[in-house]
């Protein structure tokens, strides 16, 4: 980037920067896709029909790969993602390869998932365009096993051995990250297994974060107790002498969490209002900046206000835009207005890039479509920016 670009004020409405890596054809596909996503009934019917077609082995995977898959995923394999990683790199945006195969539930599948994550670490070791690696704990162990542990129900000897294998898989990934000097993100999951995940994450951070923040736990601030968790974890890190790694997000399981709490008769862990979630999220960003000497953090958000707040606070505190302890992150295929305007201004930015076989990644894609449908503001924002850029480009040809 030029020195002039690095100094220009942030403007998240700058569509020329936001979409300069997309061709007119890419932009039209994105417009069509987000217009479809804006229709809840269409998404519901489309999800049902697609699931049915996949179960019947009808030849629709090619169509899926050319449309929704191409927009939200990098490829079916790590090598297939190389072109998308390179395109992002040209915009000074790094990649987080996210193996998004879901629904597997056997020891063989957990071992295979672990091996795939290790492959992303190996790739990140030789490719500086990958800034983090990531895994979901339920990709390495059974949900029911983690639920039982979280509830404090005693394990059988077989379950103890099984749980140790989960720890061993996590440790293999974290050690590989440590050996390769590659940062590793541990994704958050449902509240009824999160305490166990937090315990494992602290164990890994205490082991591998002695010199720098390499292992990152995830804090979902749409939970009313997670700002306190962040504070408690830093206090523990300070006493034990390691760096805290923190990915700060709002959260991804709100409807499921509320439904389960109502069904089982316990208090919902979710914030009472969106405003309360926003307040805690922004408090968490400021808290991390307050302790930037001991915390490495990632602001995972599609929220304009939170991104601007963090950027402005860094400026006020004279924290370098490319400080190694501060990253912004968005999902591949979304909020390019945030990602590329931030990267052009000199901030550390990463994109979560899902990958995996088309059929195996469909649960992720269905969830992404449904989340965008429920978040009408996000979908409307994407569409308005795409239309603005199409209009800008059209004016240049007159």
Protein backbone atom coordinates (compact mmCIF):
# COMPACT_ATOMS: atom_id res chain seq x y z
CA UNK A 1 0.00 0.00 0.00
CA UNK A 2 1.11 3.58 -0.50
CA UNK A 3 1.97 5.89 2.45
CA UNK A 4 -0.95 8.07 1.38
CA UNK A 5 -3.40 5.18 1.72
CA UNK A 6 -2.01 4.28 5.14
CA UNK A 7 -2.70 7.81 6.38
CA UNK A 8 -6.17 8.27 4.91
CA UNK A 9 -9.03 8.37 7.43
CA UNK A 10 -11.18 5.27 7.74
CA UNK A 11 -14.33 5.27 5.68
CA UNK A 12 -16.27 2.02 5.72
CA UNK A 13 -18.54 3.31 2.94
CA UNK A 14 -15.66 3.41 0.46
CA UNK A 15 -16.85 0.76 -1.98
CA UNK A 16 -14.02 1.28 -4.46
CA UNK A 17 -11.59 -0.14 -1.87
CA UNK A 18 -14.09 -2.65 -0.51
CA UNK A 19 -14.68 -4.35 -3.87
CA UNK A 20 -11.58 -3.61 -5.91
CA UNK A 21 -10.54 -7.27 -5.94
CA UNK A 22 -13.94 -8.32 -7.34
CA UNK A 23 -14.73 -8.37 -11.02
CA UNK A 24 -18.06 -7.11 -12.33
CA UNK A 25 -19.14 -10.75 -12.62
CA UNK A 26 -18.16 -11.43 -8.98
CA UNK A 27 -20.09 -8.36 -7.88
CA UNK A 28 -23.21 -9.39 -9.77
CA UNK A 29 -23.04 -12.90 -8.26
CA UNK A 30 -22.77 -11.36 -4.78
CA UNK A 31 -25.75 -9.06 -5.47
CA UNK A 32 -27.85 -12.01 -6.64
CA UNK A 33 -26.78 -14.14 -3.67
CA UNK A 34 -27.53 -11.57 -0.97
CA UNK A 35 -30.85 -10.74 -2.59
CA UNK A 36 -31.80 -14.43 -2.28
CA UNK A 37 -30.55 -14.59 1.31
CA UNK A 38 -32.78 -11.62 2.17
CA UNK A 39 -35.83 -13.83 1.53
CA UNK A 40 -36.42 -16.07 4.61
CA UNK A 41 -39.05 -18.27 2.92
CA UNK A 42 -36.80 -18.87 -0.06
CA UNK A 43 -33.89 -19.85 2.20
CA UNK A 44 -36.10 -22.23 4.19
CA UNK A 45 -37.47 -23.95 1.08
CA UNK A 46 -34.06 -23.92 -0.63
CA UNK A 47 -32.36 -25.52 2.37
CA UNK A 48 -34.95 -28.32 2.49
CA UNK A 49 -34.75 -29.01 -1.24
CA UNK A 50 -30.94 -28.90 -1.29
CA UNK A 51 -30.71 -31.33 1.61
CA UNK A 52 -33.09 -33.68 -0.17
CA UNK A 53 -31.17 -33.44 -3.44
CA UNK A 54 -27.86 -34.16 -1.69
CA UNK A 55 -29.34 -37.20 0.10
CA UNK A 56 -30.60 -38.50 -3.25
CA UNK A 57 -27.17 -37.84 -4.83
CA UNK A 58 -28.70 -35.58 -7.47
CA UNK A 59 -26.06 -33.71 -9.51
CA UNK A 60 -26.35 -30.29 -7.87
CA UNK A 61 -22.92 -29.97 -6.22
CA UNK A 62 -21.50 -28.22 -9.29
CA UNK A 63 -24.18 -25.52 -9.09
CA UNK A 64 -23.64 -25.09 -5.34
CA UNK A 65 -19.88 -24.79 -5.82
CA UNK A 66 -20.27 -22.05 -8.43
CA UNK A 67 -22.66 -19.97 -6.31
CA UNK A 68 -23.02 -19.89 -2.51
CA UNK A 69 -19.97 -22.11 -1.95
CA UNK A 70 -17.72 -19.95 -4.13
CA UNK A 71 -18.81 -16.81 -2.29
CA UNK A 72 -18.35 -18.07 1.28
CA UNK A 73 -15.64 -20.76 0.92
CA UNK A 74 -12.09 -20.90 -0.37
CA UNK A 75 -12.11 -24.39 -1.90
CA UNK A 76 -12.48 -28.07 -1.12
CA UNK A 77 -8.83 -28.57 -0.14
CA UNK A 78 -5.97 -26.41 1.13
CA UNK A 79 -4.35 -26.22 -2.36
CA UNK A 80 -7.72 -25.18 -3.84
CA UNK A 81 -7.78 -22.24 -1.42
CA UNK A 82 -4.43 -20.90 -2.66
CA UNK A 83 -5.91 -18.57 -5.30
CA UNK A 84 -8.37 -16.98 -2.83
CA UNK A 85 -5.62 -16.63 -0.22
CA UNK A 86 -3.43 -14.89 -2.79
CA UNK A 87 -6.24 -12.49 -3.80
CA UNK A 88 -6.74 -11.49 -0.17
CA UNK A 89 -2.99 -11.13 0.33
CA UNK A 90 -2.81 -8.59 -2.49
CA UNK A 91 -5.17 -6.43 -0.40
CA UNK A 92 -2.94 -6.86 2.69
CA UNK A 93 -5.49 -9.21 4.26
CA UNK A 94 -4.33 -12.50 5.76
CA UNK A 95 -6.31 -15.74 5.88
CA UNK A 96 -7.53 -18.07 8.63
CA UNK A 97 -8.20 -21.44 7.02
CA UNK A 98 -11.28 -22.92 8.72
CA UNK A 99 -11.92 -26.61 8.07
CA UNK A 100 -15.71 -26.46 8.19
CA UNK A 101 -16.73 -30.09 7.99
CA UNK A 102 -19.48 -30.68 10.57
CA UNK A 103 -21.56 -33.52 11.95
CA UNK A 104 -18.86 -36.20 12.17
CA UNK A 105 -18.89 -38.15 15.44
CA UNK A 106 -16.36 -40.99 15.52
CA UNK A 107 -12.82 -41.45 16.77
CA UNK A 108 -11.65 -41.89 13.18
CA UNK A 109 -13.29 -38.62 12.12
CA UNK A 110 -11.80 -36.78 15.11
CA UNK A 111 -8.32 -38.07 14.24
CA UNK A 112 -8.85 -37.06 10.60
CA UNK A 113 -9.99 -33.59 11.63
CA UNK A 114 -6.95 -33.21 13.89
CA UNK A 115 -4.68 -34.20 11.02
CA UNK A 116 -6.36 -31.67 8.73
CA UNK A 117 -5.86 -28.87 11.26
CA UNK A 118 -2.20 -29.90 11.57
CA UNK A 119 -1.98 -29.57 7.79
CA UNK A 120 -3.22 -25.97 8.01
CA UNK A 121 -0.51 -25.28 10.62
CA UNK A 122 2.13 -26.79 8.32
CA UNK A 123 0.84 -24.63 5.45
CA UNK A 124 0.82 -21.51 7.62
CA UNK A 125 4.42 -22.22 8.56
CA UNK A 126 5.53 -21.71 4.96
CA UNK A 127 2.91 -19.19 3.81
CA UNK A 128 2.97 -15.81 5.62
CA UNK A 129 -0.46 -14.99 4.17
CA UNK A 130 -1.95 -17.28 6.83
CA UNK A 131 -1.95 -15.44 10.16
CA UNK A 132 -3.89 -17.93 12.35
CA UNK A 133 -5.11 -21.51 12.36
CA UNK A 134 -8.39 -22.49 14.00
CA UNK A 135 -10.38 -25.49 15.21
CA UNK A 136 -13.72 -26.30 16.79
CA UNK A 137 -13.38 -28.50 19.89
CA UNK A 138 -16.35 -30.61 18.76
CA UNK A 139 -14.31 -31.45 15.68
CA UNK A 140 -11.93 -33.30 18.02
CA UNK A 141 -14.33 -34.92 20.50
CA UNK A 142 -17.95 -35.88 21.10
CA UNK A 143 -20.42 -33.22 22.16
CA UNK A 144 -22.02 -35.66 24.61
CA UNK A 145 -18.66 -36.35 26.24
CA UNK A 146 -17.94 -32.63 26.69
CA UNK A 147 -21.48 -32.07 27.98
CA UNK A 148 -21.03 -34.76 30.61
CA UNK A 149 -17.70 -33.27 31.69
CA UNK A 150 -19.19 -29.79 31.92
CA UNK A 151 -22.06 -31.06 34.06
CA UNK A 152 -19.64 -32.68 36.51
CA UNK A 153 -20.98 -36.18 35.89
CA UNK A 154 -18.30 -38.78 36.69
CA UNK A 155 -16.71 -40.47 33.69
CA UNK A 156 -16.34 -44.18 33.24
CA UNK A 157 -12.78 -45.38 32.72
CA UNK A 158 -13.48 -45.63 28.98
CA UNK A 159 -14.74 -42.05 28.93
CA UNK A 160 -11.68 -40.83 30.84
CA UNK A 161 -9.50 -42.41 28.17
CA UNK A 162 -11.66 -40.88 25.45
CA UNK A 163 -11.45 -37.43 27.04
CA UNK A 164 -7.68 -37.74 27.29
CA UNK A 165 -7.57 -38.39 23.56
CA UNK A 166 -9.45 -35.11 23.04
CA UNK A 167 -6.85 -33.29 25.17
CA UNK A 168 -4.07 -35.00 23.25
CA UNK A 169 -5.49 -33.87 19.90
CA UNK A 170 -5.79 -30.29 21.13
CA UNK A 171 -2.27 -30.42 22.50
CA UNK A 172 -0.86 -31.76 19.23
CA UNK A 173 -2.36 -28.79 17.36
CA UNK A 174 -1.22 -26.22 19.92
CA UNK A 175 2.30 -27.69 20.08
CA UNK A 176 2.50 -27.63 16.29
CA UNK A 177 1.47 -23.97 16.37
CA UNK A 178 4.12 -23.27 19.01
CA UNK A 179 6.84 -25.09 17.06
CA UNK A 180 5.89 -23.29 13.84
CA UNK A 181 5.34 -19.89 15.52
CA UNK A 182 1.76 -19.93 14.18
CA UNK A 183 -1.13 -18.54 16.23
CA UNK A 184 -4.00 -20.95 16.97
CA UNK A 185 -7.62 -20.00 17.67
CA UNK A 186 -9.86 -22.25 19.76
CA UNK A 187 -13.44 -21.54 18.71
CA UNK A 188 -16.21 -21.07 21.26
CA UNK A 189 -19.21 -23.39 21.29
CA UNK A 190 -22.46 -23.89 23.23
CA UNK A 191 -22.58 -22.74 26.85
CA UNK A 192 -23.17 -26.27 28.19
CA UNK A 193 -19.71 -27.37 27.04
CA UNK A 194 -17.89 -24.01 27.17
CA UNK A 195 -16.51 -24.31 30.71
CA UNK A 196 -14.69 -27.47 29.69
CA UNK A 197 -13.37 -25.78 26.55
CA UNK A 198 -12.23 -22.79 28.64
CA UNK A 199 -10.37 -25.12 31.02
CA UNK A 200 -8.57 -26.79 28.11
CA UNK A 201 -7.77 -23.42 26.51
CA UNK A 202 -6.24 -22.06 29.73
CA UNK A 203 -4.18 -25.23 30.05
CA UNK A 204 -2.85 -24.76 26.51
CA UNK A 205 -2.17 -21.05 26.98
CA UNK A 206 -0.31 -21.70 30.22
CA UNK A 207 1.81 -24.26 28.40
CA UNK A 208 2.51 -22.44 25.14
CA UNK A 209 2.02 -18.70 25.74
CA UNK A 210 5.04 -18.08 27.96
CA UNK A 211 6.89 -15.90 25.42
CA UNK A 212 4.00 -14.47 23.35
CA UNK A 213 0.27 -14.94 22.74
CA UNK A 214 0.03 -17.93 20.38
CA UNK A 215 -3.01 -19.87 21.64
CA UNK A 216 -6.27 -17.86 21.68
CA UNK A 217 -9.51 -18.72 23.45
CA UNK A 218 -12.82 -17.24 22.24
CA UNK A 219 -15.10 -15.02 24.34
CA UNK A 220 -18.71 -14.68 23.20
CA UNK A 221 -19.88 -11.33 24.54
CA UNK A 222 -23.54 -11.99 23.83
CA UNK A 223 -23.25 -14.00 27.04
CA UNK A 224 -23.67 -11.83 30.11
CA UNK A 225 -20.85 -13.58 32.02
CA UNK A 226 -18.07 -13.48 29.44
CA UNK A 227 -16.59 -10.06 30.16
CA UNK A 228 -16.00 -11.28 33.71
CA UNK A 229 -14.43 -14.46 32.28
CA UNK A 230 -12.01 -12.36 30.24
CA UNK A 231 -10.98 -10.41 33.35
CA UNK A 232 -10.58 -13.57 35.43
CA UNK A 233 -8.49 -15.26 32.75
CA UNK A 234 -6.13 -12.30 32.53
CA UNK A 235 -5.73 -12.27 36.30
CA UNK A 236 -4.86 -15.98 36.18
CA UNK A 237 -2.43 -15.42 33.30
CA UNK A 238 -0.67 -12.66 35.22
CA UNK A 239 -0.26 -14.86 38.30
CA UNK A 240 0.94 -17.87 36.27
CA UNK A 241 3.18 -15.82 34.00
CA UNK A 242 1.77 -16.31 30.51
CA UNK A 243 0.17 -14.16 27.80
CA UNK A 244 -3.58 -14.27 27.28
CA UNK A 245 -4.84 -14.84 23.74
CA UNK A 246 -8.42 -13.66 23.25
CA UNK A 247 -10.71 -13.72 20.24
CA UNK A 248 -13.55 -11.31 21.00
CA UNK A 249 -16.85 -12.05 19.24
CA UNK A 250 -20.50 -11.36 19.92
CA UNK A 251 -21.62 -14.97 19.45
CA UNK A 252 -23.27 -17.52 17.20
CA UNK A 253 -25.81 -19.66 19.08
CA UNK A 254 -28.36 -17.23 20.52
CA UNK A 255 -31.59 -18.94 19.47
CA UNK A 256 -30.35 -22.40 20.48
CA UNK A 257 -29.14 -21.13 23.85
CA UNK A 258 -32.44 -19.46 24.70
CA UNK A 259 -34.50 -22.45 23.59
CA UNK A 260 -32.43 -24.89 25.66
CA UNK A 261 -32.54 -22.66 28.74
CA UNK A 262 -36.35 -22.41 28.48
CA UNK A 263 -36.70 -26.14 27.89
CA UNK A 264 -34.51 -27.16 30.83
CA UNK A 265 -35.61 -24.39 33.18
CA UNK A 266 -32.39 -22.50 33.83
CA UNK A 267 -31.51 -18.85 33.34
CA UNK A 268 -30.47 -18.00 29.81
CA UNK A 269 -26.76 -17.12 29.51
CA UNK A 270 -27.61 -14.62 26.76
CA UNK A 271 -27.58 -10.87 27.37
CA UNK A 272 -31.05 -9.36 27.96
CA UNK A 273 -30.72 -6.95 25.02
CA UNK A 274 -28.55 -6.36 21.98
CA UNK A 275 -27.46 -3.06 23.52
CA UNK A 276 -26.10 -4.93 26.54
CA UNK A 277 -24.18 -7.25 24.23
CA UNK A 278 -22.78 -4.29 22.28
CA UNK A 279 -21.75 -2.57 25.51
CA UNK A 280 -19.88 -5.61 26.83
CA UNK A 281 -18.27 -6.23 23.45
CA UNK A 282 -16.87 -2.71 23.30
CA UNK A 283 -15.83 -2.88 26.96
CA UNK A 284 -13.88 -6.03 26.14
CA UNK A 285 -12.03 -4.28 23.30
CA UNK A 286 -11.06 -1.39 25.58
CA UNK A 287 -10.04 -3.82 28.33
CA UNK A 288 -7.74 -5.65 25.93
CA UNK A 289 -6.16 -2.37 24.85
CA UNK A 290 -5.72 -1.44 28.52
CA UNK A 291 -3.64 -4.62 28.93
CA UNK A 292 -2.08 -4.85 25.48
CA UNK A 293 1.29 -5.72 27.01
CA UNK A 294 -0.17 -9.05 28.25
CA UNK A 295 -3.08 -9.71 25.85
CA UNK A 296 -3.03 -10.56 22.17
CA UNK A 297 -6.55 -10.18 20.80
CA UNK A 298 -8.66 -10.45 17.71
CA UNK A 299 -11.76 -8.33 17.23
CA UNK A 300 -13.98 -10.71 15.29
CA UNK A 301 -16.86 -8.47 14.24
CA UNK A 302 -18.97 -7.25 11.33
CA UNK A 303 -20.06 -4.21 13.35
CA UNK A 304 -18.95 -0.86 11.90
CA UNK A 305 -19.16 0.96 15.23
CA UNK A 306 -17.00 -1.56 17.10
CA UNK A 307 -14.36 -1.53 14.35
CA UNK A 308 -14.28 2.27 14.33
CA UNK A 309 -14.12 2.40 18.14
CA UNK A 310 -11.11 0.09 18.22
CA UNK A 311 -9.33 1.97 15.44
CA UNK A 312 -9.94 5.34 17.13
CA UNK A 313 -8.84 4.06 20.53
CA UNK A 314 -5.62 2.72 19.04
CA UNK A 315 -4.99 6.14 17.51
CA UNK A 316 -5.69 7.95 20.80
CA UNK A 317 -3.28 5.67 22.64
CA UNK A 318 -0.67 5.93 19.87
CA UNK A 319 -0.73 2.15 19.40
CA UNK A 320 0.73 1.19 16.02
CA UNK A 321 -1.92 0.15 13.51
CA UNK A 322 0.02 -3.04 12.81
CA UNK A 323 0.68 -3.88 16.48
CA UNK A 324 1.15 -7.68 16.58
CA UNK A 325 -1.26 -8.01 19.52
CA UNK A 326 -4.26 -6.53 17.64
CA UNK A 327 -6.16 -8.09 14.74
CA UNK A 328 -9.50 -7.36 13.11
CA UNK A 329 -11.32 -10.32 11.52
CA UNK A 330 -14.37 -10.91 9.35
CA UNK A 331 -15.83 -13.89 7.51
CA UNK A 332 -14.79 -14.57 3.93
CA UNK A 333 -17.50 -13.25 1.59
CA UNK A 334 -18.87 -10.72 4.07
CA UNK A 335 -18.13 -7.17 5.27
CA UNK A 336 -15.43 -6.48 2.71
CA UNK A 337 -16.08 -2.80 3.36
CA UNK A 338 -14.62 -3.31 6.84
CA UNK A 339 -11.82 -5.73 5.96
CA UNK A 340 -10.30 -3.93 3.01
CA UNK A 341 -10.71 -0.38 4.27
CA UNK A 342 -9.02 -1.42 7.52
CA UNK A 343 -6.21 -3.25 5.74
CA UNK A 344 -5.66 -0.34 3.35
CA UNK A 345 -5.32 1.93 6.38
CA UNK A 346 -2.57 -0.32 7.75
CA UNK A 347 -4.38 -2.43 10.37
CA UNK A 348 -3.88 -6.18 10.81
CA UNK A 349 -6.88 -7.86 9.19
CA UNK A 350 -7.71 -11.53 8.66
CA UNK A 351 -10.53 -13.32 6.90
CA UNK A 352 -12.02 -16.59 8.18
CA UNK A 353 -11.98 -18.79 5.06
CA UNK A 354 -14.06 -21.99 5.38
CA UNK A 355 -13.03 -24.93 3.23
CA UNK A 356 -13.83 -28.61 2.78
CA UNK A 357 -15.80 -30.93 0.47
CA UNK A 358 -18.97 -29.25 -0.82
CA UNK A 359 -21.39 -31.78 0.67
CA UNK A 360 -19.64 -31.82 4.05
CA UNK A 361 -19.57 -28.01 4.28
CA UNK A 362 -23.28 -27.57 3.47
CA UNK A 363 -24.37 -27.42 7.17
CA UNK A 364 -22.03 -24.44 7.58
CA UNK A 365 -23.38 -22.77 4.44
CA UNK A 366 -27.01 -23.33 5.47
CA UNK A 367 -26.28 -21.77 8.85
CA UNK A 368 -24.53 -18.82 7.24
CA UNK A 369 -27.52 -18.21 4.95
CA UNK A 370 -29.97 -18.49 7.86
CA UNK A 371 -27.91 -16.17 10.05
CA UNK A 372 -27.83 -13.57 7.29
CA UNK A 373 -31.57 -13.93 6.79
CA UNK A 374 -32.22 -13.30 10.48
CA UNK A 375 -29.78 -10.40 10.51
CA UNK A 376 -31.73 -8.24 8.11
CA UNK A 377 -29.53 -5.25 8.82
CA UNK A 378 -26.39 -7.13 7.76
CA UNK A 379 -27.92 -8.41 4.54
CA UNK A 380 -29.31 -4.99 3.71
CA UNK A 381 -25.94 -3.43 4.38
CA UNK A 382 -24.17 -5.88 2.06
CA UNK A 383 -26.70 -5.29 -0.70
CA UNK A 384 -26.61 -1.50 -0.43
CA UNK A 385 -22.80 -1.44 -0.65
CA UNK A 386 -22.80 -3.79 -3.66
CA UNK A 387 -25.38 -1.65 -5.46
CA UNK A 388 -23.41 1.50 -4.63
CA UNK A 389 -20.27 0.02 -6.17
CA UNK A 390 -22.11 -1.19 -9.28
CA UNK A 391 -23.47 2.34 -9.72
CA UNK A 392 -19.99 3.83 -9.23
CA UNK A 393 -18.51 1.52 -11.84
CA UNK A 394 -21.33 2.22 -14.28
CA UNK A 395 -20.68 5.96 -13.97
CA UNK A 396 -17.07 5.44 -15.03
CA UNK A 397 -18.13 3.94 -18.37
CA UNK A 398 -20.34 6.86 -19.35
